[in-house]
Amino acid sequence: MPNDATADLVRSLVDATGPADGWESLAMILEFGEGFRSAYGYAYSPGDVIAPVACKWSSIEAAVDAYYRPGDKLPVKILVQFDRTAGKYEVTFEDTDEDRWAVKPKNFRTMREQLRPKFG
C-alpha cells in the first residue's frame, strides 16, 4: 500500500466528518460488514472534549477502494488514527475479529480512550 493511499484515506475522512473546528486528533473505524459499510469514531479536542463523528460511506469510498485491487479480501474493520497537531497517522487492520473496537453503551467511555491516537 503506497503512502499516498494512506494520506488520501486520512484526508477523505477528515473532509467527510465535517468542519474540523478545534479538534486535534481523530480515530475512525471503517467497518466492512456483510452487505453494509460504515465509518464512525471520535474527534478529540483540547480539554478532554471528545465528540462522536461519522461520515457517509460514499464520501470516502474512492479512498478506501484505493487500498484494494478488485478481488482482494477485505478486512472486517480498519482503524484510522490521525493526530493533526503532530501530523502523524496510523492505519490498523482487523481481518477476523468483528468485535474488535466494538463501541457499545457499557464500554463507550473506555473504548473512546483506547481508540485515542497516541503516537510515542
PDB file of N, CA and C in Angstrom:
ATOM      1  N   MET A   1       0.827  -1.181   0.000  1.00  0.00           N
ATOM      2  CA  MET A   1       0.000   0.000   0.000  1.00  0.00           C
ATOM      3  C   MET A   1       0.875   1.250   0.000  1.00  0.00           C
ATOM      4  N   PRO A   2       0.764   2.045  -0.994  1.00  0.00           N
ATOM      5  CA  PRO A   2       1.591   3.246  -1.018  1.00  0.00           C
ATOM      6  C   PRO A   2       1.128   4.253   0.024  1.00  0.00           C
ATOM      7  N   ASN A   3       2.076   5.053   0.495  1.00  0.00           N
ATOM      8  CA  ASN A   3       1.769   6.102   1.463  1.00  0.00           C
ATOM      9  C   ASN A   3       0.742   7.083   0.928  1.00  0.00           C
ATOM     10  N   ASP A   4       0.728   7.291  -0.391  1.00  0.00           N
ATOM     11  CA  ASP A   4      -0.251   8.199  -0.995  1.00  0.00           C
ATOM     12  C   ASP A   4      -1.668   7.744  -0.685  1.00  0.00           C
ATOM     13  N   ALA A   5      -1.918   6.436  -0.762  1.00  0.00           N
ATOM     14  CA  ALA A   5      -3.254   5.904  -0.493  1.00  0.00           C
ATOM     15  C   ALA A   5      -3.632   6.139   0.965  1.00  0.00           C
ATOM     16  N   THR A   6      -2.677   6.004   1.862  1.00  0.00           N
ATOM     17  CA  THR A   6      -2.949   6.239   3.277  1.00  0.00           C
ATOM     18  C   THR A   6      -3.255   7.711   3.524  1.00  0.00           C
ATOM     19  N   ALA A   7      -2.452   8.586   2.976  1.00  0.00           N
ATOM     20  CA  ALA A   7      -2.686  10.024   3.137  1.00  0.00           C
ATOM     21  C   ALA A   7      -4.028  10.428   2.531  1.00  0.00           C
ATOM     22  N   ASP A   8      -4.371   9.851   1.379  1.00  0.00           N
ATOM     23  CA  ASP A   8      -5.667  10.147   0.756  1.00  0.00           C
ATOM     24  C   ASP A   8      -6.823   9.659   1.622  1.00  0.00           C
ATOM     25  N   LEU A   9      -6.655   8.492   2.243  1.00  0.00           N
ATOM     26  CA  LEU A   9      -7.694   7.964   3.121  1.00  0.00           C
ATOM     27  C   LEU A   9      -7.895   8.877   4.326  1.00  0.00           C
ATOM     28  N   VAL A  10      -6.805   9.287   4.967  1.00  0.00           N
ATOM     29  CA  VAL A  10      -6.899  10.188   6.124  1.00  0.00           C
ATOM     30  C   VAL A  10      -7.556  11.498   5.705  1.00  0.00           C
ATOM     31  N   ARG A  11      -7.121  12.057   4.597  1.00  0.00           N
ATOM     32  CA  ARG A  11      -7.681  13.323   4.100  1.00  0.00           C
ATOM     33  C   ARG A  11      -9.179  13.185   3.817  1.00  0.00           C
ATOM     34  N   SER A  12      -9.583  12.080   3.210  1.00  0.00           N
ATOM     35  CA  SER A  12     -11.000  11.903   2.892  1.00  0.00           C
ATOM     36  C   SER A  12     -11.834  11.764   4.165  1.00  0.00           C
ATOM     37  N   LEU A  13     -11.299  11.123   5.196  1.00  0.00           N
ATOM     38  CA  LEU A  13     -12.019  11.007   6.468  1.00  0.00           C
ATOM     39  C   LEU A  13     -12.164  12.369   7.139  1.00  0.00           C
ATOM     40  N   VAL A  14     -11.088  13.137   7.130  1.00  0.00           N
ATOM     41  CA  VAL A  14     -11.130  14.476   7.729  1.00  0.00           C
ATOM     42  C   VAL A  14     -12.168  15.332   7.004  1.00  0.00           C
ATOM     43  N   ASP A  15     -12.147  15.305   5.686  1.00  0.00           N
ATOM     44  CA  ASP A  15     -13.096  16.092   4.900  1.00  0.00           C
ATOM     45  C   ASP A  15     -14.539  15.616   5.112  1.00  0.00           C
ATOM     46  N   ALA A  16     -14.729  14.302   5.193  1.00  0.00           N
ATOM     47  CA  ALA A  16     -16.078  13.731   5.264  1.00  0.00           C
ATOM     48  C   ALA A  16     -16.735  13.891   6.626  1.00  0.00           C
ATOM     49  N   THR A  17     -15.944  14.074   7.681  1.00  0.00           N
ATOM     50  CA  THR A  17     -16.536  14.182   9.011  1.00  0.00           C
ATOM     51  C   THR A  17     -17.061  15.586   9.296  1.00  0.00           C
ATOM     52  N   GLY A  18     -16.805  16.512   8.406  1.00  0.00           N
ATOM     53  CA  GLY A  18     -17.357  17.854   8.575  1.00  0.00           C
ATOM     54  C   GLY A  18     -16.323  18.839   9.066  1.00  0.00           C
ATOM     55  N   PRO A  19     -16.781  19.989   9.538  1.00  0.00           N
ATOM     56  CA  PRO A  19     -15.853  21.037   9.969  1.00  0.00           C
ATOM     57  C   PRO A  19     -14.896  20.541  11.048  1.00  0.00           C
ATOM     58  N   ALA A  20     -13.644  20.914  10.920  1.00  0.00           N
ATOM     59  CA  ALA A  20     -12.600  20.457  11.847  1.00  0.00           C
ATOM     60  C   ALA A  20     -12.363  21.482  12.944  1.00  0.00           C
ATOM     61  N   ASP A  21     -13.437  22.019  13.484  1.00  0.00           N
ATOM     62  CA  ASP A  21     -13.335  23.068  14.492  1.00  0.00           C
ATOM     63  C   ASP A  21     -12.721  22.559  15.793  1.00  0.00           C
ATOM     64  N   GLY A  22     -11.492  22.920  16.031  1.00  0.00           N
ATOM     65  CA  GLY A  22     -10.877  22.719  17.327  1.00  0.00           C
ATOM     66  C   GLY A  22     -10.348  21.348  17.662  1.00  0.00           C
ATOM     67  N   TRP A  23     -10.629  20.330  16.889  1.00  0.00           N
ATOM     68  CA  TRP A  23     -10.116  19.029  17.287  1.00  0.00           C
ATOM     69  C   TRP A  23      -8.646  18.869  16.912  1.00  0.00           C
ATOM     70  N   GLU A  24      -7.957  18.069  17.713  1.00  0.00           N
ATOM     71  CA  GLU A  24      -6.527  17.823  17.498  1.00  0.00           C
ATOM     72  C   GLU A  24      -6.256  16.451  16.903  1.00  0.00           C
ATOM     73  N   SER A  25      -7.107  15.471  17.231  1.00  0.00           N
ATOM     74  CA  SER A  25      -6.890  14.127  16.713  1.00  0.00           C
ATOM     75  C   SER A  25      -8.223  13.456  16.424  1.00  0.00           C
ATOM     76  N   LEU A  26      -8.133  12.374  15.655  1.00  0.00           N
ATOM     77  CA  LEU A  26      -9.314  11.699  15.145  1.00  0.00           C
ATOM     78  C   LEU A  26      -9.050  10.203  15.135  1.00  0.00           C
ATOM     79  N   ALA A  27     -10.047   9.423  15.524  1.00  0.00           N
ATOM     80  CA  ALA A  27      -9.992   7.963  15.408  1.00  0.00           C
ATOM     81  C   ALA A  27     -11.267   7.527  14.703  1.00  0.00           C
ATOM     82  N   MET A  28     -11.130   6.844  13.585  1.00  0.00           N
ATOM     83  CA  MET A  28     -12.282   6.386  12.812  1.00  0.00           C
ATOM     84  C   MET A  28     -12.186   4.880  12.579  1.00  0.00           C
ATOM     85  N   ILE A  29     -13.309   4.210  12.771  1.00  0.00           N
ATOM     86  CA  ILE A  29     -13.411   2.782  12.496  1.00  0.00           C
ATOM     87  C   ILE A  29     -14.181   2.630  11.190  1.00  0.00           C
ATOM     88  N   LEU A  30     -13.576   1.955  10.242  1.00  0.00           N
ATOM     89  CA  LEU A  30     -14.240   1.636   8.982  1.00  0.00           C
ATOM     90  C   LEU A  30     -14.645   0.173   9.069  1.00  0.00           C
ATOM     91  N   GLU A  31     -15.919  -0.084   8.909  1.00  0.00           N
ATOM     92  CA  GLU A  31     -16.441  -1.435   9.108  1.00  0.00           C
ATOM     93  C   GLU A  31     -16.961  -1.986   7.789  1.00  0.00           C
ATOM     94  N   PHE A  32     -16.518  -3.210   7.476  1.00  0.00           N
ATOM     95  CA  PHE A  32     -16.919  -3.892   6.245  1.00  0.00           C
ATOM     96  C   PHE A  32     -17.783  -5.084   6.636  1.00  0.00           C
ATOM     97  N   GLY A  33     -19.070  -4.834   6.876  1.00  0.00           N
ATOM     98  CA  GLY A  33     -19.973  -5.916   7.261  1.00  0.00           C
ATOM     99  C   GLY A  33     -20.538  -6.600   6.039  1.00  0.00           C
ATOM    100  N   GLU A  34     -21.262  -7.669   6.291  1.00  0.00           N
ATOM    101  CA  GLU A  34     -21.898  -8.385   5.195  1.00  0.00           C
ATOM    102  C   GLU A  34     -23.071  -7.560   4.690  1.00  0.00           C
ATOM    103  N   GLY A  35     -22.912  -6.962   3.543  1.00  0.00           N
ATOM    104  CA  GLY A  35     -23.970  -6.164   2.958  1.00  0.00           C
ATOM    105  C   GLY A  35     -24.031  -4.719   3.424  1.00  0.00           C
ATOM    106  N   PHE A  36     -23.071  -4.281   4.241  1.00  0.00           N
ATOM    107  CA  PHE A  36     -23.069  -2.881   4.660  1.00  0.00           C
ATOM    108  C   PHE A  36     -21.646  -2.393   4.888  1.00  0.00           C
ATOM    109  N   ARG A  37     -21.491  -1.091   4.907  1.00  0.00           N
ATOM    110  CA  ARG A  37     -20.237  -0.414   5.216  1.00  0.00           C
ATOM    111  C   ARG A  37     -20.570   0.733   6.156  1.00  0.00           C
ATOM    112  N   SER A  38     -19.689   1.033   7.108  1.00  0.00           N
ATOM    113  CA  SER A  38     -19.919   2.181   7.982  1.00  0.00           C
ATOM    114  C   SER A  38     -18.593   2.793   8.395  1.00  0.00           C
ATOM    115  N   ALA A  39     -18.644   4.064   8.763  1.00  0.00           N
ATOM    116  CA  ALA A  39     -17.462   4.801   9.208  1.00  0.00           C
ATOM    117  C   ALA A  39     -17.883   5.702  10.368  1.00  0.00           C
ATOM    118  N   TYR A  40     -17.284   5.461  11.529  1.00  0.00           N
ATOM    119  CA  TYR A  40     -17.642   6.210  12.727  1.00  0.00           C
ATOM    120  C   TYR A  40     -16.448   6.252  13.665  1.00  0.00           C
ATOM    121  N   GLY A  41     -16.487   7.174  14.616  1.00  0.00           N
ATOM    122  CA  GLY A  41     -15.392   7.263  15.572  1.00  0.00           C
ATOM    123  C   GLY A  41     -15.520   8.486  16.445  1.00  0.00           C
ATOM    124  N   TYR A  42     -14.343   9.073  16.781  1.00  0.00           N
ATOM    125  CA  TYR A  42     -14.304  10.192  17.710  1.00  0.00           C
ATOM    126  C   TYR A  42     -13.300  11.240  17.251  1.00  0.00           C
ATOM    127  N   ALA A  43     -13.644  12.507  17.529  1.00  0.00           N
ATOM    128  CA  ALA A  43     -12.720  13.631  17.358  1.00  0.00           C
ATOM    129  C   ALA A  43     -12.349  14.095  18.759  1.00  0.00           C
ATOM    130  N   TYR A  44     -11.054  14.301  18.986  1.00  0.00           N
ATOM    131  CA  TYR A  44     -10.527  14.657  20.308  1.00  0.00           C
ATOM    132  C   TYR A  44     -10.020  16.093  20.280  1.00  0.00           C
ATOM    133  N   SER A  45     -10.553  16.909  21.185  1.00  0.00           N
ATOM    134  CA  SER A  45     -10.198  18.319  21.265  1.00  0.00           C
ATOM    135  C   SER A  45      -9.480  18.604  22.573  1.00  0.00           C
ATOM    136  N   PRO A  46      -8.822  19.768  22.678  1.00  0.00           N
ATOM    137  CA  PRO A  46      -8.165  20.136  23.940  1.00  0.00           C
ATOM    138  C   PRO A  46      -9.183  20.143  25.086  1.00  0.00           C
ATOM    139  N   GLY A  47      -8.687  19.910  26.295  1.00  0.00           N
ATOM    140  CA  GLY A  47      -9.555  19.911  27.462  1.00  0.00           C
ATOM    141  C   GLY A  47     -10.358  18.635  27.585  1.00  0.00           C
ATOM    142  N   ASP A  48      -9.904  17.565  26.981  1.00  0.00           N
ATOM    143  CA  ASP A  48     -10.576  16.263  27.027  1.00  0.00           C
ATOM    144  C   ASP A  48     -12.004  16.288  26.488  1.00  0.00           C
ATOM    145  N   VAL A  49     -12.257  17.143  25.514  1.00  0.00           N
ATOM    146  CA  VAL A  49     -13.550  17.154  24.845  1.00  0.00           C
ATOM    147  C   VAL A  49     -13.501  16.095  23.741  1.00  0.00           C
ATOM    148  N   ILE A  50     -14.437  15.165  23.806  1.00  0.00           N
ATOM    149  CA  ILE A  50     -14.493  14.075  22.832  1.00  0.00           C
ATOM    150  C   ILE A  50     -15.863  14.095  22.171  1.00  0.00           C
ATOM    151  N   ALA A  51     -15.873  14.190  20.855  1.00  0.00           N
ATOM    152  CA  ALA A  51     -17.133  14.249  20.116  1.00  0.00           C
ATOM    153  C   ALA A  51     -17.251  13.040  19.189  1.00  0.00           C
ATOM    154  N   PRO A  52     -18.402  12.369  19.191  1.00  0.00           N
ATOM    155  CA  PRO A  52     -18.600  11.290  18.223  1.00  0.00           C
ATOM    156  C   PRO A  52     -18.709  11.876  16.822  1.00  0.00           C
ATOM    157  N   VAL A  53     -18.154  11.165  15.839  1.00  0.00           N
ATOM    158  CA  VAL A  53     -18.210  11.596  14.441  1.00  0.00           C
ATOM    159  C   VAL A  53     -18.536  10.397  13.558  1.00  0.00           C
ATOM    160  N   ALA A  54     -19.093  10.683  12.410  1.00  0.00           N
ATOM    161  CA  ALA A  54     -19.403   9.651  11.421  1.00  0.00           C
ATOM    162  C   ALA A  54     -19.413  10.319  10.056  1.00  0.00           C
ATOM    163  N   CYS A  55     -19.401   9.508   9.020  1.00  0.00           N
ATOM    164  CA  CYS A  55     -19.495  10.056   7.672  1.00  0.00           C
ATOM    165  C   CYS A  55     -20.192   9.060   6.760  1.00  0.00           C
ATOM    166  N   LYS A  56     -20.680   9.572   5.647  1.00  0.00           N
ATOM    167  CA  LYS A  56     -21.301   8.716   4.643  1.00  0.00           C
ATOM    168  C   LYS A  56     -20.212   7.920   3.932  1.00  0.00           C
ATOM    169  N   TRP A  57     -20.488   6.660   3.708  1.00  0.00           N
ATOM    170  CA  TRP A  57     -19.511   5.797   3.047  1.00  0.00           C
ATOM    171  C   TRP A  57     -19.178   6.330   1.653  1.00  0.00           C
ATOM    172  N   SER A  58     -20.163   6.852   0.968  1.00  0.00           N
ATOM    173  CA  SER A  58     -19.931   7.333  -0.401  1.00  0.00           C
ATOM    174  C   SER A  58     -18.884   8.443  -0.445  1.00  0.00           C
ATOM    175  N   SER A  59     -18.724   9.192   0.641  1.00  0.00           N
ATOM    176  CA  SER A  59     -17.750  10.284   0.650  1.00  0.00           C
ATOM    177  C   SER A  59     -16.310   9.805   0.842  1.00  0.00           C
ATOM    178  N   ILE A  60     -16.122   8.562   1.251  1.00  0.00           N
ATOM    179  CA  ILE A  60     -14.757   8.026   1.448  1.00  0.00           C
ATOM    180  C   ILE A  60     -14.488   6.805   0.574  1.00  0.00           C
ATOM    181  N   GLU A  61     -15.474   6.363  -0.164  1.00  0.00           N
ATOM    182  CA  GLU A  61     -15.379   5.107  -0.903  1.00  0.00           C
ATOM    183  C   GLU A  61     -14.189   5.050  -1.858  1.00  0.00           C
ATOM    184  N   ALA A  62     -13.945   6.110  -2.600  1.00  0.00           N
ATOM    185  CA  ALA A  62     -12.831   6.107  -3.561  1.00  0.00           C
ATOM    186  C   ALA A  62     -11.496   5.934  -2.848  1.00  0.00           C
ATOM    187  N   ALA A  63     -11.321   6.599  -1.714  1.00  0.00           N
ATOM    188  CA  ALA A  63     -10.062   6.481  -0.964  1.00  0.00           C
ATOM    189  C   ALA A  63      -9.907   5.085  -0.368  1.00  0.00           C
ATOM    190  N   VAL A  64     -11.001   4.505   0.107  1.00  0.00           N
ATOM    191  CA  VAL A  64     -10.945   3.144   0.652  1.00  0.00           C
ATOM    192  C   VAL A  64     -10.630   2.161  -0.476  1.00  0.00           C
ATOM    193  N   ASP A  65     -11.283   2.329  -1.609  1.00  0.00           N
ATOM    194  CA  ASP A  65     -11.053   1.435  -2.748  1.00  0.00           C
ATOM    195  C   ASP A  65      -9.612   1.500  -3.250  1.00  0.00           C
ATOM    196  N   ALA A  66      -8.930   2.618  -3.044  1.00  0.00           N
ATOM    197  CA  ALA A  66      -7.538   2.753  -3.487  1.00  0.00           C
ATOM    198  C   ALA A  66      -6.611   1.791  -2.749  1.00  0.00           C
ATOM    199  N   TYR A  67      -7.038   1.279  -1.614  1.00  0.00           N
ATOM    200  CA  TYR A  67      -6.248   0.305  -0.859  1.00  0.00           C
ATOM    201  C   TYR A  67      -6.278  -1.088  -1.461  1.00  0.00           C
ATOM    202  N   TYR A  68      -7.318  -1.395  -2.214  1.00  0.00           N
ATOM    203  CA  TYR A  68      -7.545  -2.768  -2.638  1.00  0.00           C
ATOM    204  C   TYR A  68      -7.706  -2.888  -4.134  1.00  0.00           C
ATOM    205  N   ARG A  69      -7.210  -4.013  -4.638  1.00  0.00           N
ATOM    206  CA  ARG A  69      -7.452  -4.358  -6.031  1.00  0.00           C
ATOM    207  C   ARG A  69      -8.732  -5.183  -6.080  1.00  0.00           C
ATOM    208  N   PRO A  70      -9.460  -5.137  -7.170  1.00  0.00           N
ATOM    209  CA  PRO A  70     -10.668  -5.961  -7.282  1.00  0.00           C
ATOM    210  C   PRO A  70     -10.334  -7.423  -6.986  1.00  0.00           C
ATOM    211  N   GLY A  71     -11.146  -8.037  -6.166  1.00  0.00           N
ATOM    212  CA  GLY A  71     -10.926  -9.442  -5.810  1.00  0.00           C
ATOM    213  C   GLY A  71     -10.147  -9.645  -4.522  1.00  0.00           C
ATOM    214  N   ASP A  72      -9.472  -8.602  -4.009  1.00  0.00           N
ATOM    215  CA  ASP A  72      -8.763  -8.733  -2.741  1.00  0.00           C
ATOM    216  C   ASP A  72      -9.756  -8.968  -1.613  1.00  0.00           C
ATOM    217  N   LYS A  73      -9.355  -9.773  -0.645  1.00  0.00           N
ATOM    218  CA  LYS A  73     -10.197  -9.998   0.526  1.00  0.00           C
ATOM    219  C   LYS A  73     -10.116  -8.758   1.418  1.00  0.00           C
ATOM    220  N   LEU A  74     -11.275  -8.224   1.787  1.00  0.00           N
ATOM    221  CA  LEU A  74     -11.331  -7.040   2.639  1.00  0.00           C
ATOM    222  C   LEU A  74     -11.226  -7.444   4.108  1.00  0.00           C
ATOM    223  N   PRO A  75     -10.666  -6.574   4.941  1.00  0.00           N
ATOM    224  CA  PRO A  75     -10.681  -6.838   6.378  1.00  0.00           C
ATOM    225  C   PRO A  75     -12.108  -6.648   6.902  1.00  0.00           C
ATOM    226  N   VAL A  76     -12.356  -7.029   8.165  1.00  0.00           N
ATOM    227  CA  VAL A  76     -13.676  -6.753   8.735  1.00  0.00           C
ATOM    228  C   VAL A  76     -13.748  -5.322   9.251  1.00  0.00           C
ATOM    229  N   LYS A  77     -12.596  -4.775   9.672  1.00  0.00           N
ATOM    230  CA  LYS A  77     -12.535  -3.393  10.149  1.00  0.00           C
ATOM    231  C   LYS A  77     -11.154  -2.806   9.888  1.00  0.00           C
ATOM    232  N   ILE A  78     -11.136  -1.483   9.803  1.00  0.00           N
ATOM    233  CA  ILE A  78      -9.886  -0.727   9.738  1.00  0.00           C
ATOM    234  C   ILE A  78     -10.005   0.400  10.758  1.00  0.00           C
ATOM    235  N   LEU A  79      -8.967   0.589  11.561  1.00  0.00           N
ATOM    236  CA  LEU A  79      -8.907   1.721  12.484  1.00  0.00           C
ATOM    237  C   LEU A  79      -7.924   2.728  11.910  1.00  0.00           C
ATOM    238  N   VAL A  80      -8.402   3.944  11.683  1.00  0.00           N
ATOM    239  CA  VAL A  80      -7.557   5.029  11.189  1.00  0.00           C
ATOM    240  C   VAL A  80      -7.429   6.051  12.313  1.00  0.00           C
ATOM    241  N   GLN A  81      -6.186   6.297  12.732  1.00  0.00           N
ATOM    242  CA  GLN A  81      -5.916   7.279  13.778  1.00  0.00           C
ATOM    243  C   GLN A  81      -5.052   8.386  13.188  1.00  0.00           C
ATOM    244  N   PHE A  82      -5.410   9.633  13.513  1.00  0.00           N
ATOM    245  CA  PHE A  82      -4.714  10.782  12.951  1.00  0.00           C
ATOM    246  C   PHE A  82      -4.564  11.852  14.024  1.00  0.00           C
ATOM    247  N   ASP A  83      -3.336  12.322  14.201  1.00  0.00           N
ATOM    248  CA  ASP A  83      -3.063  13.438  15.106  1.00  0.00           C
ATOM    249  C   ASP A  83      -2.704  14.625  14.235  1.00  0.00           C
ATOM    250  N   ARG A  84      -3.631  15.556  14.155  1.00  0.00           N
ATOM    251  CA  ARG A  84      -3.462  16.711  13.262  1.00  0.00           C
ATOM    252  C   ARG A  84      -2.322  17.605  13.710  1.00  0.00           C
ATOM    253  N   THR A  85      -2.143  17.791  15.025  1.00  0.00           N
ATOM    254  CA  THR A  85      -1.107  18.693  15.509  1.00  0.00           C
ATOM    255  C   THR A  85       0.289  18.128  15.270  1.00  0.00           C
ATOM    256  N   ALA A  86       0.440  16.809  15.375  1.00  0.00           N
ATOM    257  CA  ALA A  86       1.747  16.179  15.144  1.00  0.00           C
ATOM    258  C   ALA A  86       1.947  15.792  13.680  1.00  0.00           C
ATOM    259  N   GLY A  87       0.854  15.758  12.912  1.00  0.00           N
ATOM    260  CA  GLY A  87       0.952  15.348  11.514  1.00  0.00           C
ATOM    261  C   GLY A  87       1.234  13.867  11.349  1.00  0.00           C
ATOM    262  N   LYS A  88       0.837  13.047  12.339  1.00  0.00           N
ATOM    263  CA  LYS A  88       1.098  11.607  12.290  1.00  0.00           C
ATOM    264  C   LYS A  88      -0.214  10.850  12.155  1.00  0.00           C
ATOM    265  N   TYR A  89      -0.130   9.685  11.519  1.00  0.00           N
ATOM    266  CA  TYR A  89      -1.297   8.833  11.384  1.00  0.00           C
ATOM    267  C   TYR A  89      -0.884   7.376  11.403  1.00  0.00           C
ATOM    268  N   GLU A  90      -1.873   6.522  11.674  1.00  0.00           N
ATOM    269  CA  GLU A  90      -1.634   5.083  11.697  1.00  0.00           C
ATOM    270  C   GLU A  90      -2.904   4.389  11.229  1.00  0.00           C
ATOM    271  N   VAL A  91      -2.746   3.330  10.464  1.00  0.00           N
ATOM    272  CA  VAL A  91      -3.863   2.543   9.986  1.00  0.00           C
ATOM    273  C   VAL A  91      -3.647   1.107  10.452  1.00  0.00           C
ATOM    274  N   THR A  92      -4.641   0.549  11.168  1.00  0.00           N
ATOM    275  CA  THR A  92      -4.550  -0.805  11.709  1.00  0.00           C
ATOM    276  C   THR A  92      -5.696  -1.627  11.130  1.00  0.00           C
ATOM    277  N   PHE A  93      -5.383  -2.815  10.659  1.00  0.00           N
ATOM    278  CA  PHE A  93      -6.368  -3.684  10.024  1.00  0.00           C
ATOM    279  C   PHE A  93      -6.770  -4.810  10.964  1.00  0.00           C
ATOM    280  N   GLU A  94      -8.037  -5.160  10.953  1.00  0.00           N
ATOM    281  CA  GLU A  94      -8.538  -6.333  11.670  1.00  0.00           C
ATOM    282  C   GLU A  94      -9.188  -7.248  10.643  1.00  0.00           C
ATOM    283  N   ASP A  95      -8.604  -8.438  10.479  1.00  0.00           N
ATOM    284  CA  ASP A  95      -9.058  -9.341   9.429  1.00  0.00           C
ATOM    285  C   ASP A  95     -10.174 -10.291   9.844  1.00  0.00           C
ATOM    286  N   THR A  96     -10.292 -10.618  11.141  1.00  0.00           N
ATOM    287  CA  THR A  96     -11.251 -11.657  11.526  1.00  0.00           C
ATOM    288  C   THR A  96     -12.167 -11.297  12.694  1.00  0.00           C
ATOM    289  N   ASP A  97     -11.714 -10.522  13.668  1.00  0.00           N
ATOM    290  CA  ASP A  97     -12.470 -10.271  14.894  1.00  0.00           C
ATOM    291  C   ASP A  97     -13.463  -9.113  14.711  1.00  0.00           C
ATOM    292  N   GLU A  98     -14.729  -9.450  14.479  1.00  0.00           N
ATOM    293  CA  GLU A  98     -15.748  -8.424  14.257  1.00  0.00           C
ATOM    294  C   GLU A  98     -16.038  -7.608  15.516  1.00  0.00           C
ATOM    295  N   ASP A  99     -15.686  -8.121  16.679  1.00  0.00           N
ATOM    296  CA  ASP A  99     -15.941  -7.406  17.932  1.00  0.00           C
ATOM    297  C   ASP A  99     -14.812  -6.454  18.336  1.00  0.00           C
ATOM    298  N   ARG A 100     -13.685  -6.530  17.645  1.00  0.00           N
ATOM    299  CA  ARG A 100     -12.591  -5.610  17.969  1.00  0.00           C
ATOM    300  C   ARG A 100     -13.056  -4.179  17.716  1.00  0.00           C
ATOM    301  N   TRP A 101     -12.758  -3.307  18.622  1.00  0.00           N
ATOM    302  CA  TRP A 101     -13.129  -1.887  18.556  1.00  0.00           C
ATOM    303  C   TRP A 101     -14.647  -1.672  18.584  1.00  0.00           C
ATOM    304  N   ALA A 102     -15.397  -2.659  19.054  1.00  0.00           N
ATOM    305  CA  ALA A 102     -16.856  -2.518  19.120  1.00  0.00           C
ATOM    306  C   ALA A 102     -17.219  -1.520  20.219  1.00  0.00           C
ATOM    307  N   VAL A 103     -17.919  -0.471  19.831  1.00  0.00           N
ATOM    308  CA  VAL A 103     -18.347   0.559  20.774  1.00  0.00           C
ATOM    309  C   VAL A 103     -19.784   0.249  21.175  1.00  0.00           C
ATOM    310  N   LYS A 104     -19.974   0.005  22.468  1.00  0.00           N
ATOM    311  CA  LYS A 104     -21.296  -0.351  22.996  1.00  0.00           C
ATOM    312  C   LYS A 104     -21.617   0.564  24.172  1.00  0.00           C
ATOM    313  N   PRO A 105     -22.879   0.635  24.565  1.00  0.00           N
ATOM    314  CA  PRO A 105     -23.238   1.525  25.684  1.00  0.00           C
ATOM    315  C   PRO A 105     -22.418   1.292  26.955  1.00  0.00           C
ATOM    316  N   LYS A 106     -22.099   0.043  27.267  1.00  0.00           N
ATOM    317  CA  LYS A 106     -21.389  -0.209  28.523  1.00  0.00           C
ATOM    318  C   LYS A 106     -19.872  -0.007  28.426  1.00  0.00           C
ATOM    319  N   ASN A 107     -19.332   0.157  27.208  1.00  0.00           N
ATOM    320  CA  ASN A 107     -17.876   0.320  27.100  1.00  0.00           C
ATOM    321  C   ASN A 107     -17.453   1.590  26.357  1.00  0.00           C
ATOM    322  N   PHE A 108     -18.400   2.458  25.997  1.00  0.00           N
ATOM    323  CA  PHE A 108     -18.021   3.568  25.118  1.00  0.00           C
ATOM    324  C   PHE A 108     -17.005   4.506  25.758  1.00  0.00           C
ATOM    325  N   ARG A 109     -17.049   4.697  27.076  1.00  0.00           N
ATOM    326  CA  ARG A 109     -16.082   5.605  27.709  1.00  0.00           C
ATOM    327  C   ARG A 109     -14.665   5.036  27.635  1.00  0.00           C
ATOM    328  N   THR A 110     -14.521   3.769  27.930  1.00  0.00           N
ATOM    329  CA  THR A 110     -13.189   3.169  27.854  1.00  0.00           C
ATOM    330  C   THR A 110     -12.740   2.993  26.406  1.00  0.00           C
ATOM    331  N   MET A 111     -13.679   2.652  25.532  1.00  0.00           N
ATOM    332  CA  MET A 111     -13.318   2.434  24.123  1.00  0.00           C
ATOM    333  C   MET A 111     -12.841   3.724  23.466  1.00  0.00           C
ATOM    334  N   ARG A 112     -13.474   4.839  23.755  1.00  0.00           N
ATOM    335  CA  ARG A 112     -13.035   6.083  23.112  1.00  0.00           C
ATOM    336  C   ARG A 112     -11.633   6.463  23.568  1.00  0.00           C
ATOM    337  N   GLU A 113     -11.238   6.061  24.771  1.00  0.00           N
ATOM    338  CA  GLU A 113      -9.851   6.289  25.215  1.00  0.00           C
ATOM    339  C   GLU A 113      -8.899   5.298  24.564  1.00  0.00           C
ATOM    340  N   GLN A 114      -9.329   4.063  24.390  1.00  0.00           N
ATOM    341  CA  GLN A 114      -8.493   3.071  23.711  1.00  0.00           C
ATOM    342  C   GLN A 114      -8.237   3.465  22.265  1.00  0.00           C
ATOM    343  N   LEU A 115      -9.213   4.098  21.644  1.00  0.00           N
ATOM    344  CA  LEU A 115      -9.083   4.494  20.235  1.00  0.00           C
ATOM    345  C   LEU A 115      -8.309   5.788  20.052  1.00  0.00           C
ATOM    346  N   ARG A 116      -8.164   6.582  21.108  1.00  0.00           N
ATOM    347  CA  ARG A 116      -7.476   7.882  21.021  1.00  0.00           C
ATOM    348  C   ARG A 116      -6.066   7.691  20.448  1.00  0.00           C
ATOM    349  N   PRO A 117      -5.710   8.467  19.429  1.00  0.00           N
ATOM    350  CA  PRO A 117      -4.356   8.366  18.864  1.00  0.00           C
ATOM    351  C   PRO A 117      -3.295   8.726  19.894  1.00  0.00           C
ATOM    352  N   LYS A 118      -2.317   7.836  20.043  1.00  0.00           N
ATOM    353  CA  LYS A 118      -1.185   8.049  20.948  1.00  0.00           C
ATOM    354  C   LYS A 118       0.062   7.582  20.220  1.00  0.00           C
ATOM    355  N   PHE A 119       0.767   8.515  19.645  1.00  0.00           N
ATOM    356  CA  PHE A 119       1.964   8.169  18.893  1.00  0.00           C
ATOM    357  C   PHE A 119       3.173   8.485  19.741  1.00  0.00           C
ATOM    358  N   GLY A 120       3.913   7.442  20.098  1.00  0.00           N
ATOM    359  CA  GLY A 120       5.041   7.589  21.007  1.00  0.00           C
ATOM    360  C   GLY A 120       6.239   8.052  20.364  1.00  0.00           C
TER     361      GLY A 120
END
